[in-house]
PDB file of N, CA and C in Angstrom:
ATOM      1  N   MET A   1       0.846  -1.167   0.000  1.00  0.00           N
ATOM      2  CA  MET A   1       0.000   0.000   0.000  1.00  0.00           C
ATOM      3  C   MET A   1       0.898   1.240   0.000  1.00  0.00           C
ATOM      4  N   ASP A   2       0.605   2.187  -0.872  1.00  0.00           N
ATOM      5  CA  ASP A   2       1.394   3.407  -0.916  1.00  0.00           C
ATOM      6  C   ASP A   2       0.763   4.499  -0.044  1.00  0.00           C
ATOM      7  N   THR A   3       1.417   5.636   0.049  1.00  0.00           N
ATOM      8  CA  THR A   3       0.968   6.712   0.936  1.00  0.00           C
ATOM      9  C   THR A   3      -0.401   7.250   0.535  1.00  0.00           C
ATOM     10  N   ILE A   4      -0.651   7.372  -0.761  1.00  0.00           N
ATOM     11  CA  ILE A   4      -1.946   7.903  -1.206  1.00  0.00           C
ATOM     12  C   ILE A   4      -3.077   6.952  -0.821  1.00  0.00           C
ATOM     13  N   GLN A   5      -2.894   5.669  -1.059  1.00  0.00           N
ATOM     14  CA  GLN A   5      -3.936   4.702  -0.692  1.00  0.00           C
ATOM     15  C   GLN A   5      -4.114   4.657   0.822  1.00  0.00           C
ATOM     16  N   ASN A   6      -3.023   4.767   1.539  1.00  0.00           N
ATOM     17  CA  ASN A   6      -3.088   4.807   2.998  1.00  0.00           C
ATOM     18  C   ASN A   6      -3.897   6.027   3.446  1.00  0.00           C
ATOM     19  N   ALA A   7      -3.662   7.170   2.821  1.00  0.00           N
ATOM     20  CA  ALA A   7      -4.408   8.392   3.162  1.00  0.00           C
ATOM     21  C   ALA A   7      -5.889   8.217   2.848  1.00  0.00           C
ATOM     22  N   LYS A   8      -6.213   7.633   1.709  1.00  0.00           N
ATOM     23  CA  LYS A   8      -7.624   7.420   1.343  1.00  0.00           C
ATOM     24  C   LYS A   8      -8.323   6.519   2.359  1.00  0.00           C
ATOM     25  N   ASN A   9      -7.695   5.408   2.691  1.00  0.00           N
ATOM     26  CA  ASN A   9      -8.289   4.478   3.662  1.00  0.00           C
ATOM     27  C   ASN A   9      -8.442   5.131   5.033  1.00  0.00           C
ATOM     28  N   THR A  10      -7.407   5.856   5.446  1.00  0.00           N
ATOM     29  CA  THR A  10      -7.442   6.513   6.746  1.00  0.00           C
ATOM     30  C   THR A  10      -8.528   7.582   6.793  1.00  0.00           C
ATOM     31  N   MET A  11      -8.607   8.409   5.747  1.00  0.00           N
ATOM     32  CA  MET A  11      -9.599   9.482   5.731  1.00  0.00           C
ATOM     33  C   MET A  11     -11.024   8.941   5.729  1.00  0.00           C
ATOM     34  N   LYS A  12     -11.246   7.842   5.038  1.00  0.00           N
ATOM     35  CA  LYS A  12     -12.582   7.238   5.059  1.00  0.00           C
ATOM     36  C   LYS A  12     -12.952   6.859   6.481  1.00  0.00           C
ATOM     37  N   PHE A  13     -12.027   6.214   7.178  1.00  0.00           N
ATOM     38  CA  PHE A  13     -12.263   5.829   8.568  1.00  0.00           C
ATOM     39  C   PHE A  13     -12.519   7.066   9.438  1.00  0.00           C
ATOM     40  N   LEU A  14     -11.692   8.102   9.259  1.00  0.00           N
ATOM     41  CA  LEU A  14     -11.809   9.305  10.076  1.00  0.00           C
ATOM     42  C   LEU A  14     -13.145  10.002   9.863  1.00  0.00           C
ATOM     43  N   TYR A  15     -13.558  10.144   8.598  1.00  0.00           N
ATOM     44  CA  TYR A  15     -14.845  10.783   8.318  1.00  0.00           C
ATOM     45  C   TYR A  15     -16.011   9.931   8.829  1.00  0.00           C
ATOM     46  N   ASP A  16     -15.903   8.632   8.672  1.00  0.00           N
ATOM     47  CA  ASP A  16     -16.966   7.743   9.170  1.00  0.00           C
ATOM     48  C   ASP A  16     -17.126   7.830  10.687  1.00  0.00           C
ATOM     49  N   ASN A  17     -16.040   8.174  11.385  1.00  0.00           N
ATOM     50  CA  ASN A  17     -16.055   8.228  12.839  1.00  0.00           C
ATOM     51  C   ASN A  17     -16.015   9.655  13.400  1.00  0.00           C
ATOM     52  N   ASN A  18     -16.273  10.626  12.533  1.00  0.00           N
ATOM     53  CA  ASN A  18     -16.356  12.043  12.934  1.00  0.00           C
ATOM     54  C   ASN A  18     -15.116  12.560  13.656  1.00  0.00           C
ATOM     55  N   ILE A  19     -13.958  12.111  13.233  1.00  0.00           N
ATOM     56  CA  ILE A  19     -12.695  12.598  13.791  1.00  0.00           C
ATOM     57  C   ILE A  19     -12.287  13.827  12.987  1.00  0.00           C
ATOM     58  N   ILE A  20     -11.922  14.904  13.669  1.00  0.00           N
ATOM     59  CA  ILE A  20     -11.689  16.162  12.960  1.00  0.00           C
ATOM     60  C   ILE A  20     -10.228  16.618  12.936  1.00  0.00           C
ATOM     61  N   THR A  21      -9.371  16.012  13.752  1.00  0.00           N
ATOM     62  CA  THR A  21      -7.959  16.395  13.788  1.00  0.00           C
ATOM     63  C   THR A  21      -7.106  15.142  13.921  1.00  0.00           C
ATOM     64  N   ILE A  22      -6.004  15.109  13.174  1.00  0.00           N
ATOM     65  CA  ILE A  22      -5.067  13.981  13.288  1.00  0.00           C
ATOM     66  C   ILE A  22      -3.637  14.501  13.273  1.00  0.00           C
ATOM     67  N   ILE A  23      -2.744  13.663  13.713  1.00  0.00           N
ATOM     68  CA  ILE A  23      -1.311  13.909  13.586  1.00  0.00           C
ATOM     69  C   ILE A  23      -0.746  12.749  12.782  1.00  0.00           C
ATOM     70  N   VAL A  24      -0.059  13.061  11.704  1.00  0.00           N
ATOM     71  CA  VAL A  24       0.586  12.036  10.887  1.00  0.00           C
ATOM     72  C   VAL A  24       1.951  11.759  11.510  1.00  0.00           C
ATOM     73  N   ILE A  25       2.198  10.506  11.833  1.00  0.00           N
ATOM     74  CA  ILE A  25       3.495  10.122  12.407  1.00  0.00           C
ATOM     75  C   ILE A  25       4.185   9.201  11.419  1.00  0.00           C
ATOM     76  N   THR A  26       5.347   9.632  10.990  1.00  0.00           N
ATOM     77  CA  THR A  26       6.126   8.866  10.030  1.00  0.00           C
ATOM     78  C   THR A  26       7.586   9.255  10.193  1.00  0.00           C
ATOM     79  N   SER A  27       8.437   8.756   9.337  1.00  0.00           N
ATOM     80  CA  SER A  27       9.853   9.106   9.438  1.00  0.00           C
ATOM     81  C   SER A  27      10.053  10.587   9.100  1.00  0.00           C
ATOM     82  N   GLU A  28      11.135  11.133   9.598  1.00  0.00           N
ATOM     83  CA  GLU A  28      11.389  12.566   9.422  1.00  0.00           C
ATOM     84  C   GLU A  28      11.497  12.949   7.945  1.00  0.00           C
ATOM     85  N   TYR A  29      12.129  12.108   7.136  1.00  0.00           N
ATOM     86  CA  TYR A  29      12.281  12.450   5.716  1.00  0.00           C
ATOM     87  C   TYR A  29      10.957  12.369   4.955  1.00  0.00           C
ATOM     88  N   HIS A  30       9.946  11.715   5.506  1.00  0.00           N
ATOM     89  CA  HIS A  30       8.676  11.503   4.804  1.00  0.00           C
ATOM     90  C   HIS A  30       7.544  12.395   5.327  1.00  0.00           C
ATOM     91  N   ILE A  31       7.774  13.114   6.416  1.00  0.00           N
ATOM     92  CA  ILE A  31       6.694  13.830   7.092  1.00  0.00           C
ATOM     93  C   ILE A  31       6.074  14.918   6.212  1.00  0.00           C
ATOM     94  N   ARG A  32       6.882  15.654   5.495  1.00  0.00           N
ATOM     95  CA  ARG A  32       6.329  16.739   4.666  1.00  0.00           C
ATOM     96  C   ARG A  32       5.441  16.175   3.566  1.00  0.00           C
ATOM     97  N   ARG A  33       5.942  15.179   2.860  1.00  0.00           N
ATOM     98  CA  ARG A  33       5.161  14.545   1.789  1.00  0.00           C
ATOM     99  C   ARG A  33       3.895  13.905   2.351  1.00  0.00           C
ATOM    100  N   GLY A  34       4.030  13.212   3.470  1.00  0.00           N
ATOM    101  CA  GLY A  34       2.872  12.574   4.086  1.00  0.00           C
ATOM    102  C   GLY A  34       1.798  13.578   4.458  1.00  0.00           C
ATOM    103  N   ASN A  35       2.198  14.690   5.070  1.00  0.00           N
ATOM    104  CA  ASN A  35       1.233  15.721   5.440  1.00  0.00           C
ATOM    105  C   ASN A  35       0.547  16.321   4.219  1.00  0.00           C
ATOM    106  N   ILE A  36       1.305  16.578   3.164  1.00  0.00           N
ATOM    107  CA  ILE A  36       0.719  17.144   1.937  1.00  0.00           C
ATOM    108  C   ILE A  36      -0.301  16.184   1.347  1.00  0.00           C
ATOM    109  N   LEU A  37       0.047  14.900   1.260  1.00  0.00           N
ATOM    110  CA  LEU A  37      -0.876  13.923   0.683  1.00  0.00           C
ATOM    111  C   LEU A  37      -2.116  13.725   1.549  1.00  0.00           C
ATOM    112  N   PHE A  38      -1.934  13.620   2.861  1.00  0.00           N
ATOM    113  CA  PHE A  38      -3.091  13.435   3.752  1.00  0.00           C
ATOM    114  C   PHE A  38      -4.005  14.663   3.708  1.00  0.00           C
ATOM    115  N   LYS A  39      -3.415  15.865   3.687  1.00  0.00           N
ATOM    116  CA  LYS A  39      -4.228  17.078   3.629  1.00  0.00           C
ATOM    117  C   LYS A  39      -4.977  17.150   2.295  1.00  0.00           C
ATOM    118  N   GLY A  40      -4.305  16.813   1.207  1.00  0.00           N
ATOM    119  CA  GLY A  40      -4.946  16.828  -0.108  1.00  0.00           C
ATOM    120  C   GLY A  40      -6.110  15.857  -0.193  1.00  0.00           C
ATOM    121  N   VAL A  41      -5.911  14.644   0.272  1.00  0.00           N
ATOM    122  CA  VAL A  41      -6.986  13.643   0.259  1.00  0.00           C
ATOM    123  C   VAL A  41      -8.129  14.103   1.156  1.00  0.00           C
ATOM    124  N   SER A  42      -7.796  14.685   2.297  1.00  0.00           N
ATOM    125  CA  SER A  42      -8.826  15.186   3.205  1.00  0.00           C
ATOM    126  C   SER A  42      -9.662  16.273   2.532  1.00  0.00           C
ATOM    127  N   MET A  43      -9.015  17.182   1.833  1.00  0.00           N
ATOM    128  CA  MET A  43      -9.736  18.274   1.167  1.00  0.00           C
ATOM    129  C   MET A  43     -10.651  17.745   0.070  1.00  0.00           C
ATOM    130  N   LEU A  44     -10.159  16.769  -0.699  1.00  0.00           N
ATOM    131  CA  LEU A  44     -10.989  16.183  -1.766  1.00  0.00           C
ATOM    132  C   LEU A  44     -12.198  15.443  -1.192  1.00  0.00           C
ATOM    133  N   MET A  45     -11.968  14.661  -0.144  1.00  0.00           N
ATOM    134  CA  MET A  45     -13.074  13.923   0.468  1.00  0.00           C
ATOM    135  C   MET A  45     -14.069  14.875   1.128  1.00  0.00           C
ATOM    136  N   ALA A  46     -13.556  15.935   1.759  1.00  0.00           N
ATOM    137  CA  ALA A  46     -14.432  16.914   2.419  1.00  0.00           C
ATOM    138  C   ALA A  46     -15.362  17.565   1.399  1.00  0.00           C
ATOM    139  N   GLU A  47     -14.814  17.888   0.243  1.00  0.00           N
ATOM    140  CA  GLU A  47     -15.628  18.501  -0.808  1.00  0.00           C
ATOM    141  C   GLU A  47     -16.711  17.533  -1.278  1.00  0.00           C
ATOM    142  N   THR A  48     -16.357  16.287  -1.475  1.00  0.00           N
ATOM    143  CA  THR A  48     -17.309  15.271  -1.915  1.00  0.00           C
ATOM    144  C   THR A  48     -18.397  15.031  -0.865  1.00  0.00           C
ATOM    145  N   LEU A  49     -17.987  14.975   0.408  1.00  0.00           N
ATOM    146  CA  LEU A  49     -18.918  14.673   1.498  1.00  0.00           C
ATOM    147  C   LEU A  49     -19.637  15.920   2.033  1.00  0.00           C
ATOM    148  N   LYS A  50     -19.256  17.088   1.525  1.00  0.00           N
ATOM    149  CA  LYS A  50     -19.834  18.362   2.004  1.00  0.00           C
ATOM    150  C   LYS A  50     -19.567  18.549   3.504  1.00  0.00           C
ATOM    151  N   LYS A  51     -18.318  18.273   3.898  1.00  0.00           N
ATOM    152  CA  LYS A  51     -17.885  18.428   5.286  1.00  0.00           C
ATOM    153  C   LYS A  51     -16.620  19.272   5.318  1.00  0.00           C
ATOM    154  N   SER A  52     -16.180  19.617   6.504  1.00  0.00           N
ATOM    155  CA  SER A  52     -14.904  20.331   6.663  1.00  0.00           C
ATOM    156  C   SER A  52     -13.766  19.331   6.519  1.00  0.00           C
ATOM    157  N   SER A  53     -12.639  19.818   5.998  1.00  0.00           N
ATOM    158  CA  SER A  53     -11.489  18.920   5.890  1.00  0.00           C
ATOM    159  C   SER A  53     -10.920  18.653   7.277  1.00  0.00           C
ATOM    160  N   ILE A  54     -10.284  17.516   7.414  1.00  0.00           N
ATOM    161  CA  ILE A  54      -9.685  17.116   8.686  1.00  0.00           C
ATOM    162  C   ILE A  54      -8.404  17.927   8.884  1.00  0.00           C
ATOM    163  N   GLU A  55      -8.232  18.444  10.085  1.00  0.00           N
ATOM    164  CA  GLU A  55      -7.087  19.295  10.378  1.00  0.00           C
ATOM    165  C   GLU A  55      -5.847  18.467  10.670  1.00  0.00           C
ATOM    166  N   LEU A  56      -4.715  18.956  10.164  1.00  0.00           N
ATOM    167  CA  LEU A  56      -3.410  18.374  10.460  1.00  0.00           C
ATOM    168  C   LEU A  56      -2.535  19.484  11.023  1.00  0.00           C
ATOM    169  N   PRO A  57      -1.884  19.265  12.157  1.00  0.00           N
ATOM    170  CA  PRO A  57      -0.982  20.288  12.697  1.00  0.00           C
ATOM    171  C   PRO A  57       0.162  20.555  11.731  1.00  0.00           C
ATOM    172  N   LYS A  58       0.883  21.628  11.960  1.00  0.00           N
ATOM    173  CA  LYS A  58       2.028  21.968  11.111  1.00  0.00           C
ATOM    174  C   LYS A  58       3.069  20.859  11.146  1.00  0.00           C
ATOM    175  N   SER A  59       3.797  20.734  10.046  1.00  0.00           N
ATOM    176  CA  SER A  59       4.820  19.687   9.911  1.00  0.00           C
ATOM    177  C   SER A  59       5.862  19.732  11.008  1.00  0.00           C
ATOM    178  N   SER A  60       6.212  20.938  11.466  1.00  0.00           N
ATOM    179  CA  SER A  60       7.265  21.044  12.479  1.00  0.00           C
ATOM    180  C   SER A  60       6.867  20.301  13.749  1.00  0.00           C
ATOM    181  N   ASN A  61       5.600  20.386  14.126  1.00  0.00           N
ATOM    182  CA  ASN A  61       5.137  19.648  15.305  1.00  0.00           C
ATOM    183  C   ASN A  61       5.281  18.155  15.083  1.00  0.00           C
ATOM    184  N   CYS A  62       4.910  17.698  13.904  1.00  0.00           N
ATOM    185  CA  CYS A  62       5.004  16.274  13.592  1.00  0.00           C
ATOM    186  C   CYS A  62       6.453  15.823  13.548  1.00  0.00           C
ATOM    187  N   SER A  63       7.316  16.697  13.030  1.00  0.00           N
ATOM    188  CA  SER A  63       8.726  16.361  12.973  1.00  0.00           C
ATOM    189  C   SER A  63       9.290  16.172  14.378  1.00  0.00           C
ATOM    190  N   LEU A  64       8.867  17.005  15.310  1.00  0.00           N
ATOM    191  CA  LEU A  64       9.318  16.850  16.694  1.00  0.00           C
ATOM    192  C   LEU A  64       8.859  15.525  17.273  1.00  0.00           C
ATOM    193  N   ILE A  65       7.629  15.121  16.972  1.00  0.00           N
ATOM    194  CA  ILE A  65       7.128  13.831  17.442  1.00  0.00           C
ATOM    195  C   ILE A  65       7.958  12.708  16.839  1.00  0.00           C
ATOM    196  N   SER A  66       8.252  12.821  15.543  1.00  0.00           N
ATOM    197  CA  SER A  66       9.049  11.812  14.855  1.00  0.00           C
ATOM    198  C   SER A  66      10.430  11.690  15.515  1.00  0.00           C
ATOM    199  N   ARG A  67      11.060  12.829  15.801  1.00  0.00           N
ATOM    200  CA  ARG A  67      12.370  12.808  16.457  1.00  0.00           C
ATOM    201  C   ARG A  67      12.277  12.199  17.849  1.00  0.00           C
ATOM    202  N   SER A  68      11.214  12.528  18.560  1.00  0.00           N
ATOM    203  CA  SER A  68      11.020  11.983  19.905  1.00  0.00           C
ATOM    204  C   SER A  68      10.914  10.466  19.863  1.00  0.00           C
ATOM    205  N   ILE A  69      10.179   9.951  18.892  1.00  0.00           N
ATOM    206  CA  ILE A  69      10.038   8.499  18.754  1.00  0.00           C
ATOM    207  C   ILE A  69      11.389   7.869  18.427  1.00  0.00           C
ATOM    208  N   LYS A  70      12.162   8.514  17.545  1.00  0.00           N
ATOM    209  CA  LYS A  70      13.484   7.983  17.204  1.00  0.00           C
ATOM    210  C   LYS A  70      14.383   7.943  18.431  1.00  0.00           C
ATOM    211  N   LEU A  71      14.344   9.002  19.241  1.00  0.00           N
ATOM    212  CA  LEU A  71      15.166   9.030  20.448  1.00  0.00           C
ATOM    213  C   LEU A  71      14.756   7.933  21.412  1.00  0.00           C
ATOM    214  N   ARG A  72      13.453   7.708  21.549  1.00  0.00           N
ATOM    215  CA  ARG A  72      12.975   6.645  22.440  1.00  0.00           C
ATOM    216  C   ARG A  72      13.441   5.283  21.930  1.00  0.00           C
ATOM    217  N   GLU A  73      13.363   5.064  20.612  1.00  0.00           N
ATOM    218  CA  GLU A  73      13.810   3.791  20.043  1.00  0.00           C
ATOM    219  C   GLU A  73      15.303   3.593  20.284  1.00  0.00           C
ATOM    220  N   ARG A  74      16.074   4.664  20.116  1.00  0.00           N
ATOM    221  CA  ARG A  74      17.515   4.574  20.348  1.00  0.00           C
ATOM    222  C   ARG A  74      17.791   4.274  21.819  1.00  0.00           C
ATOM    223  N   HIS A  75      17.066   4.950  22.711  1.00  0.00           N
ATOM    224  CA  HIS A  75      17.212   4.707  24.152  1.00  0.00           C
ATOM    225  C   HIS A  75      16.903   3.243  24.477  1.00  0.00           C
ATOM    226  N   ASN A  76      15.792   2.726  23.940  1.00  0.00           N
ATOM    227  CA  ASN A  76      15.425   1.328  24.194  1.00  0.00           C
ATOM    228  C   ASN A  76      16.485   0.371  23.677  1.00  0.00           C
ATOM    229  N   SER A  77      17.087   0.711  22.545  1.00  0.00           N
ATOM    230  CA  SER A  77      18.151  -0.116  21.985  1.00  0.00           C
ATOM    231  C   SER A  77      19.367  -0.136  22.913  1.00  0.00           C
ATOM    232  N   TYR A  78      19.725   1.033  23.450  1.00  0.00           N
ATOM    233  CA  TYR A  78      20.850   1.102  24.386  1.00  0.00           C
ATOM    234  C   TYR A  78      20.576   0.275  25.634  1.00  0.00           C
ATOM    235  N   ILE A  79      19.368   0.384  26.159  1.00  0.00           N
ATOM    236  CA  ILE A  79      18.999  -0.379  27.360  1.00  0.00           C
ATOM    237  C   ILE A  79      19.084  -1.878  27.069  1.00  0.00           C
ATOM    238  N   LYS A  80      18.567  -2.285  25.909  1.00  0.00           N
ATOM    239  CA  LYS A  80      18.603  -3.700  25.534  1.00  0.00           C
ATOM    240  C   LYS A  80      20.048  -4.179  25.438  1.00  0.00           C
ATOM    241  N   ASN A  81      20.925  -3.387  24.786  1.00  0.00           N
ATOM    242  CA  ASN A  81      22.332  -3.759  24.655  1.00  0.00           C
ATOM    243  C   ASN A  81      23.025  -3.775  26.002  1.00  0.00           C
ATOM    244  N   PHE A  82      22.689  -2.821  26.866  1.00  0.00           N
ATOM    245  CA  PHE A  82      23.292  -2.771  28.202  1.00  0.00           C
ATOM    246  C   PHE A  82      22.909  -4.019  29.001  1.00  0.00           C
ATOM    247  N   ASN A  83      21.638  -4.380  28.959  1.00  0.00           N
ATOM    248  CA  ASN A  83      21.186  -5.576  29.690  1.00  0.00           C
ATOM    249  C   ASN A  83      21.859  -6.839  29.144  1.00  0.00           C
ATOM    250  N   TYR A  84      22.122  -6.858  27.853  1.00  0.00           N
ATOM    251  CA  TYR A  84      22.799  -8.005  27.246  1.00  0.00           C
ATOM    252  C   TYR A  84      24.219  -8.138  27.763  1.00  0.00           C
ATOM    253  N   LEU A  85      24.857  -7.010  28.040  1.00  0.00           N
ATOM    254  CA  LEU A  85      26.252  -7.021  28.496  1.00  0.00           C
ATOM    255  C   LEU A  85      26.409  -7.413  29.950  1.00  0.00           C
ATOM    256  N   LYS A  86      25.329  -7.372  30.728  1.00  0.00           N
ATOM    257  CA  LYS A  86      25.407  -7.695  32.166  1.00  0.00           C
ATOM    258  C   LYS A  86      25.809  -9.133  32.384  1.00  0.00           C
TER     259      LYS A  86
END
């Protein structure tokens, strides 16, 4: 499944469940493209459904979340390696 199909499937679920705001979480290099595609699909679906488009926070906020997740993964990796060395 590519990003566009993922956005279409996700937006259908979101509109069906009356969710109005989301945060796209992905890798740092993909966040800008992901946000653009999700926002575009949201706008197209909103027009078709006669609803408001689903809000996405600015990319910088998402990028910070992405970095935070990477740091946590790195931390967990260090802990795992440290426990292995005991």
